[in-house]
Structures are given as structure tokens and as C-alpha cells.
């Protein structure tokens, strides 16, 4: 599709076919993978549309956002709203990974816009625009439910049940990565609640240990130490490393961990 001039409707139709193909692949529909020549043709189409007069950079920049927003609203959110608890967590982790894939490849089609139009205008990069769509439309709605579901699974693990630690790590990554380079979202939207819940959990545990093992000094000392080791393992397997010192600053009523 190498031409010296491409009208907006013609060029956008071709680019839209490319991103529609990506979305179909993400949704598991039968669709052959994009070939390298197709990538090159899509990039070349963008280049011609944005390096000549008329220049369609702003229109394509806006269309990029529109496509990602529409996909998120029409497909991603409904798939999450119909699920609950661990099933919802699995869907959230999958949708976040799919979203990053879509943003990475779609923005490559429009790479010339980033290197010319976006940088000169001081606008957010295509990557920022794409990731912020997920944050604004999905993360804001789902983070509270995700937080509750993760804490519920931590409870199960503390009580001896086996849980999917890889899933937990993937969901924790959603909190971390939606901070866009900062762990503030993780700290405010998940960690602070988890620490409060941890304090409550071990306050109840301490009361039980006093009732059951007050006459057995060795058990009373060993049980807290065993739980301490499990909390350290939790940090290693799926929590952010900065959580560990905060976790052990929590006062578990009469328990002295060290």
C-alpha cells in the first residue's frame, strides 16, 4: 500500500483492519498472526498519512485512543463484571497482559506519530495513552474487588490451604504496574488494607494461642515463629519486596516476632 498520498478514510480503514486482527487474536478467534510485511505496510501507511499535507497525525492519535477505549468498554469490562473472586482475578490478570500486548503492537503501527507529532506537541506517548485507558476504565472499577479477593486468598493460605501463588503474583503486578513507574497504587490500594487485615488476623490468633497454649511455653513461642516464616515466604513469592519491613512493623497484639 505504498503511495505518495493517502486519504484519511482509506488509510484509517487499512490501519483499523490491522488492529481488528490483533483484537481477534487476543480474543482467541481464528486469525492468522500478523506477518512482518503487514507490520511494515501499516507503519508505511502511517508514515505517508503523517508526513505529507494534509497531515493526519492528530486524527490518528485520537483514533488510537478511541479504539482502545471502545475495546475496553465493550469487551474487557463486561468479561470482568460477570466473574467473581478467584475467577475474576484470573480474568483481570489475563486482561491486563492482553492490554499491554495490544498497546505495544498497536503503537508500533503508529510509531511515526510518537517520534514526530507527539514529541513536538509534548503530548502523552501512545504507550501512556493506551495504558492509561486500562487504568481509568478498568483498574479504577476493579481494584477494590481485586484487593478483597486477594486478601481472602491470603486468609486461606494462612489457614493452611493451597492457593495459586503465580496468580497472586500476576494480580499484584496489576496493582504495581498501574502505578506507571511508582508503587503508590500498590501501597494505597492494596498494601495498606492488607497490613490492616494482617494486624487483625494476628490479634485474633494471639488471643487463641493464649487460651490454648498459655501453659505450654514452647508452643506459645514456636507458633508465632512459624507464622513469621510463612509471612516472609509470602513476600518472596508474590508481594512487593518493600512490604516485608512494613509487615513486621505491624503490632500483632502481644506477639513479639523477634
Protein backbone atom coordinates (compact mmCIF):
# COMPACT_ATOMS: atom_id res chain seq x y z
CA UNK A 1 0.00 0.00 0.00
CA UNK A 2 2.94 2.32 -0.70
CA UNK A 3 1.56 5.59 -2.06
CA UNK A 4 2.64 9.22 -2.13
CA UNK A 5 -0.69 10.34 -0.69
CA UNK A 6 -3.35 8.51 1.30
CA UNK A 7 -6.74 9.96 2.18
CA UNK A 8 -7.71 9.67 5.82
CA UNK A 9 -10.68 7.33 5.29
CA UNK A 10 -8.62 4.97 3.12
CA UNK A 11 -5.61 4.93 5.44
CA UNK A 12 -7.59 4.62 8.64
CA UNK A 13 -9.64 1.76 7.17
CA UNK A 14 -6.42 -0.16 6.48
CA UNK A 15 -4.96 0.55 9.94
CA UNK A 16 -8.26 -0.38 11.59
CA UNK A 17 -8.22 -3.74 9.80
CA UNK A 18 -4.78 -4.35 11.32
CA UNK A 19 -5.80 -3.56 14.89
CA UNK A 20 -9.04 -5.52 14.49
CA UNK A 21 -6.90 -8.51 13.56
CA UNK A 22 -4.87 -8.02 16.75
CA UNK A 23 -8.02 -7.88 18.86
CA UNK A 24 -9.42 -11.01 17.25
CA UNK A 25 -6.17 -12.83 18.08
CA UNK A 26 -6.37 -11.63 21.71
CA UNK A 27 -9.96 -12.83 21.96
CA UNK A 28 -8.93 -16.29 20.78
CA UNK A 29 -10.75 -16.08 17.48
CA UNK A 30 -9.35 -17.95 14.46
CA UNK A 31 -7.00 -15.45 12.90
CA UNK A 32 -3.53 -15.91 11.36
CA UNK A 33 -0.73 -13.94 13.00
CA UNK A 34 0.40 -10.65 11.54
CA UNK A 35 3.36 -11.09 9.23
CA UNK A 36 6.36 -8.78 9.12
CA UNK A 37 5.30 -7.36 5.75
CA UNK A 38 1.92 -6.41 7.21
CA UNK A 39 3.65 -4.55 10.05
CA UNK A 40 5.77 -2.71 7.51
CA UNK A 41 2.74 -1.81 5.40
CA UNK A 42 0.88 -0.48 8.43
CA UNK A 43 3.87 1.60 9.52
CA UNK A 44 4.33 2.91 5.97
CA UNK A 45 0.65 3.87 5.78
CA UNK A 46 1.01 5.88 8.99
CA UNK A 47 4.21 7.50 7.73
CA UNK A 48 2.59 8.66 4.48
CA UNK A 49 -0.51 9.94 6.31
CA UNK A 50 1.55 11.91 8.83
CA UNK A 51 4.49 13.21 6.80
CA UNK A 52 2.56 14.87 3.95
CA UNK A 53 -0.03 17.59 3.63
CA UNK A 54 -2.67 17.18 4.82
CA UNK A 55 -1.12 15.76 8.00
CA UNK A 56 -3.42 13.33 9.81
CA UNK A 57 -1.34 12.86 12.97
CA UNK A 58 -3.93 14.34 15.34
CA UNK A 59 -6.75 12.31 13.80
CA UNK A 60 -4.79 9.06 14.10
CA UNK A 61 -3.72 9.91 17.66
CA UNK A 62 -7.38 10.40 18.59
CA UNK A 63 -8.46 7.24 16.75
CA UNK A 64 -5.83 5.23 18.62
CA UNK A 65 -7.36 6.27 21.95
CA UNK A 66 -10.90 5.70 20.66
CA UNK A 67 -10.22 2.14 19.50
CA UNK A 68 -8.61 1.13 22.81
CA UNK A 69 -11.37 2.77 24.86
CA UNK A 70 -14.11 1.11 22.82
CA UNK A 71 -12.48 -2.32 23.09
CA UNK A 72 -12.06 -1.87 26.83
CA UNK A 73 -15.64 -0.73 27.41
CA UNK A 74 -17.36 -3.15 25.05
CA UNK A 75 -15.29 -6.31 25.62
CA UNK A 76 -12.92 -6.13 28.59
CA UNK A 77 -15.19 -4.67 31.27
CA UNK A 78 -18.15 -7.00 30.58
CA UNK A 79 -15.83 -10.02 30.79
CA UNK A 80 -14.69 -8.88 34.25
CA UNK A 81 -18.07 -7.83 35.63
CA UNK A 82 -19.55 -11.28 35.08
CA UNK A 83 -16.87 -13.00 37.16
CA UNK A 84 -16.16 -13.06 40.89
CA UNK A 85 -13.48 -13.97 43.39
CA UNK A 86 -10.64 -16.12 42.02
CA UNK A 87 -12.21 -16.35 38.54
CA UNK A 88 -12.31 -12.56 38.40
CA UNK A 89 -8.66 -12.37 39.44
CA UNK A 90 -7.67 -14.74 36.65
CA UNK A 91 -9.60 -12.68 34.14
CA UNK A 92 -8.10 -9.43 35.44
CA UNK A 93 -4.53 -10.74 35.13
CA UNK A 94 -5.24 -12.06 31.64
CA UNK A 95 -6.90 -8.83 30.50
CA UNK A 96 -4.02 -6.70 31.81
CA UNK A 97 -1.47 -8.81 29.92
CA UNK A 98 -3.62 -8.69 26.77
CA UNK A 99 -3.96 -4.94 27.10
CA UNK A 100 -0.20 -4.45 27.31
CA UNK A 101 0.22 -6.63 24.22
CA UNK A 102 -2.39 -4.63 22.30
CA UNK A 103 -0.84 -1.30 23.28
CA UNK A 104 2.67 -2.47 22.36
CA UNK A 105 1.74 -3.71 18.89
CA UNK A 106 -0.86 -1.07 18.01
CA UNK A 107 1.54 1.72 18.96
CA UNK A 108 4.15 0.16 16.66
CA UNK A 109 1.79 0.67 13.72
CA UNK A 110 1.73 4.37 14.60
CA UNK A 111 5.37 4.68 15.66
CA UNK A 112 5.98 7.66 13.39
CA UNK A 113 3.37 9.67 15.34
CA UNK A 114 5.31 9.14 18.57
CA UNK A 115 8.61 10.21 17.04
CA UNK A 116 7.25 13.31 15.31
CA UNK A 117 3.85 14.65 16.33
CA UNK A 118 3.72 13.52 19.98
CA UNK A 119 7.24 14.62 20.93
CA UNK A 120 6.86 18.03 19.28
CA UNK A 121 3.49 18.72 20.91
CA UNK A 122 4.52 17.49 24.34
CA UNK A 123 1.63 15.01 24.40
CA UNK A 124 1.49 11.71 26.30
CA UNK A 125 3.09 8.91 24.28
CA UNK A 126 0.90 6.32 22.61
CA UNK A 127 2.01 3.82 25.24
CA UNK A 128 0.95 6.16 28.05
CA UNK A 129 -2.41 6.84 26.40
CA UNK A 130 -3.05 3.12 25.92
CA UNK A 131 -2.07 2.07 29.44
CA UNK A 132 -3.99 4.96 30.99
CA UNK A 133 -7.14 3.72 29.24
CA UNK A 134 -6.89 0.50 31.25
CA UNK A 135 -6.15 2.38 34.45
CA UNK A 136 -9.04 4.81 34.06
CA UNK A 137 -11.66 2.37 32.77
CA UNK A 138 -10.73 -0.98 34.34
CA UNK A 139 -8.34 -0.54 37.26
CA UNK A 140 -10.41 2.14 38.98
CA UNK A 141 -13.52 -0.02 38.85
CA UNK A 142 -11.96 -3.39 39.66
CA UNK A 143 -9.14 -2.64 42.11
CA UNK A 144 -11.33 -2.73 45.24
CA UNK A 145 -12.86 -6.10 44.35
CA UNK A 146 -9.45 -7.44 43.36
CA UNK A 147 -7.98 -6.29 46.67
CA UNK A 148 -10.73 -8.08 48.65
CA UNK A 149 -10.32 -11.26 46.61
CA UNK A 150 -6.53 -11.30 47.08
CA UNK A 151 -6.83 -10.75 50.84
CA UNK A 152 -9.39 -13.57 51.01
CA UNK A 153 -6.90 -15.92 49.33
CA UNK A 154 -4.15 -14.83 51.75
CA UNK A 155 -6.53 -15.79 54.57
CA UNK A 156 -6.97 -19.24 53.04
CA UNK A 157 -3.23 -19.68 52.72
CA UNK A 158 -2.66 -18.61 56.32
CA UNK A 159 -5.13 -21.29 57.38
CA UNK A 160 -3.20 -23.96 55.52
CA UNK A 161 -4.99 -24.09 52.17
CA UNK A 162 -3.01 -24.23 48.94
CA UNK A 163 -3.50 -21.26 46.64
CA UNK A 164 -2.22 -20.31 43.19
CA UNK A 165 0.80 -18.17 44.03
CA UNK A 166 1.53 -17.42 40.38
CA UNK A 167 -1.96 -15.95 40.04
CA UNK A 168 -1.36 -13.87 43.17
CA UNK A 169 1.90 -12.54 41.76
CA UNK A 170 0.22 -11.67 38.46
CA UNK A 171 -2.60 -9.78 40.20
CA UNK A 172 -0.16 -7.95 42.48
CA UNK A 173 1.63 -6.89 39.28
CA UNK A 174 -1.62 -5.25 38.12
CA UNK A 175 -1.54 -3.03 41.21
CA UNK A 176 2.18 -2.28 40.83
CA UNK A 177 2.21 -1.66 37.08
CA UNK A 178 -0.86 0.57 37.13
CA UNK A 179 1.23 2.95 39.22
CA UNK A 180 3.00 3.73 35.94
CA UNK A 181 6.50 3.60 37.40
CA UNK A 182 5.53 4.17 41.03
CA UNK A 183 4.38 1.70 43.70
CA UNK A 184 1.95 4.27 45.13
CA UNK A 185 -1.11 2.48 43.74
CA UNK A 186 0.08 -0.82 45.21
CA UNK A 187 0.69 0.82 48.59
CA UNK A 188 -2.57 2.79 48.74
CA UNK A 189 -4.98 0.41 47.01
CA UNK A 190 -3.70 -2.92 48.29
CA UNK A 191 -0.84 -2.92 50.77
CA UNK A 192 -2.39 -0.60 53.38
CA UNK A 193 -5.55 -2.75 53.55
CA UNK A 194 -3.55 -5.97 53.63
CA UNK A 195 -1.46 -4.68 56.55
CA UNK A 196 -4.59 -3.69 58.49
CA UNK A 197 -6.10 -7.10 57.84
CA UNK A 198 -2.85 -8.79 58.89
CA UNK A 199 -2.89 -6.96 62.23
CA UNK A 200 -6.50 -8.01 62.84
CA UNK A 201 -5.75 -11.61 61.88
CA UNK A 202 -2.82 -11.97 64.28
CA UNK A 203 -4.63 -10.19 67.11
CA UNK A 204 -7.27 -12.92 66.88
CA UNK A 205 -4.57 -15.58 66.60
CA UNK A 206 -2.76 -14.28 69.67
CA UNK A 207 -5.93 -14.49 71.75
CA UNK A 208 -6.42 -18.09 70.64
CA UNK A 209 -2.80 -19.01 71.38
CA UNK A 210 -3.12 -17.55 74.88
CA UNK A 211 -6.23 -19.61 75.55
CA UNK A 212 -4.85 -22.84 74.07
CA UNK A 213 -1.13 -22.74 74.85
CA UNK A 214 -0.65 -20.49 77.87
CA UNK A 215 0.55 -23.48 79.85
CA UNK A 216 2.75 -24.79 77.03
CA UNK A 217 5.52 -22.23 76.73
CA UNK A 218 7.33 -23.96 73.86
CA UNK A 219 4.19 -23.98 71.67
CA UNK A 220 3.42 -20.39 72.58
CA UNK A 221 6.88 -19.36 71.37
CA UNK A 222 7.13 -21.64 68.34
CA UNK A 223 3.76 -20.94 66.74
CA UNK A 224 4.42 -17.21 66.15
CA UNK A 225 7.86 -18.03 64.74
CA UNK A 226 6.32 -20.48 62.27
CA UNK A 227 3.82 -17.86 61.12
CA UNK A 228 6.60 -15.31 60.79
CA UNK A 229 8.44 -17.60 58.38
CA UNK A 230 5.25 -18.07 56.33
CA UNK A 231 4.79 -14.30 56.08
CA UNK A 232 8.35 -13.98 54.78
CA UNK A 233 7.60 -16.65 52.17
CA UNK A 234 4.52 -14.72 51.09
CA UNK A 235 6.62 -11.65 50.39
CA UNK A 236 9.13 -13.72 48.46
CA UNK A 237 6.52 -15.41 46.30
CA UNK A 238 4.09 -12.64 45.41
CA UNK A 239 4.19 -9.43 47.45
CA UNK A 240 6.42 -6.45 46.65
CA UNK A 241 9.79 -6.59 48.49
CA UNK A 242 9.12 -3.22 50.17
CA UNK A 243 6.20 -4.82 52.02
CA UNK A 244 8.39 -7.03 54.22
CA UNK A 245 9.63 -4.41 56.73
CA UNK A 246 6.14 -2.90 56.96
CA UNK A 247 4.63 -6.32 57.54
CA UNK A 248 6.82 -6.90 60.58
CA UNK A 249 6.27 -3.42 61.96
CA UNK A 250 2.63 -4.35 62.43
CA UNK A 251 1.95 -4.94 66.11
CA UNK A 252 0.26 -8.34 66.38
CA UNK A 253 -1.10 -7.56 69.80
CA UNK A 254 1.12 -9.40 72.32
CA UNK A 255 3.19 -11.31 69.73
CA UNK A 256 6.85 -10.37 69.65
CA UNK A 257 8.27 -11.75 66.43
CA UNK A 258 11.89 -11.25 67.19
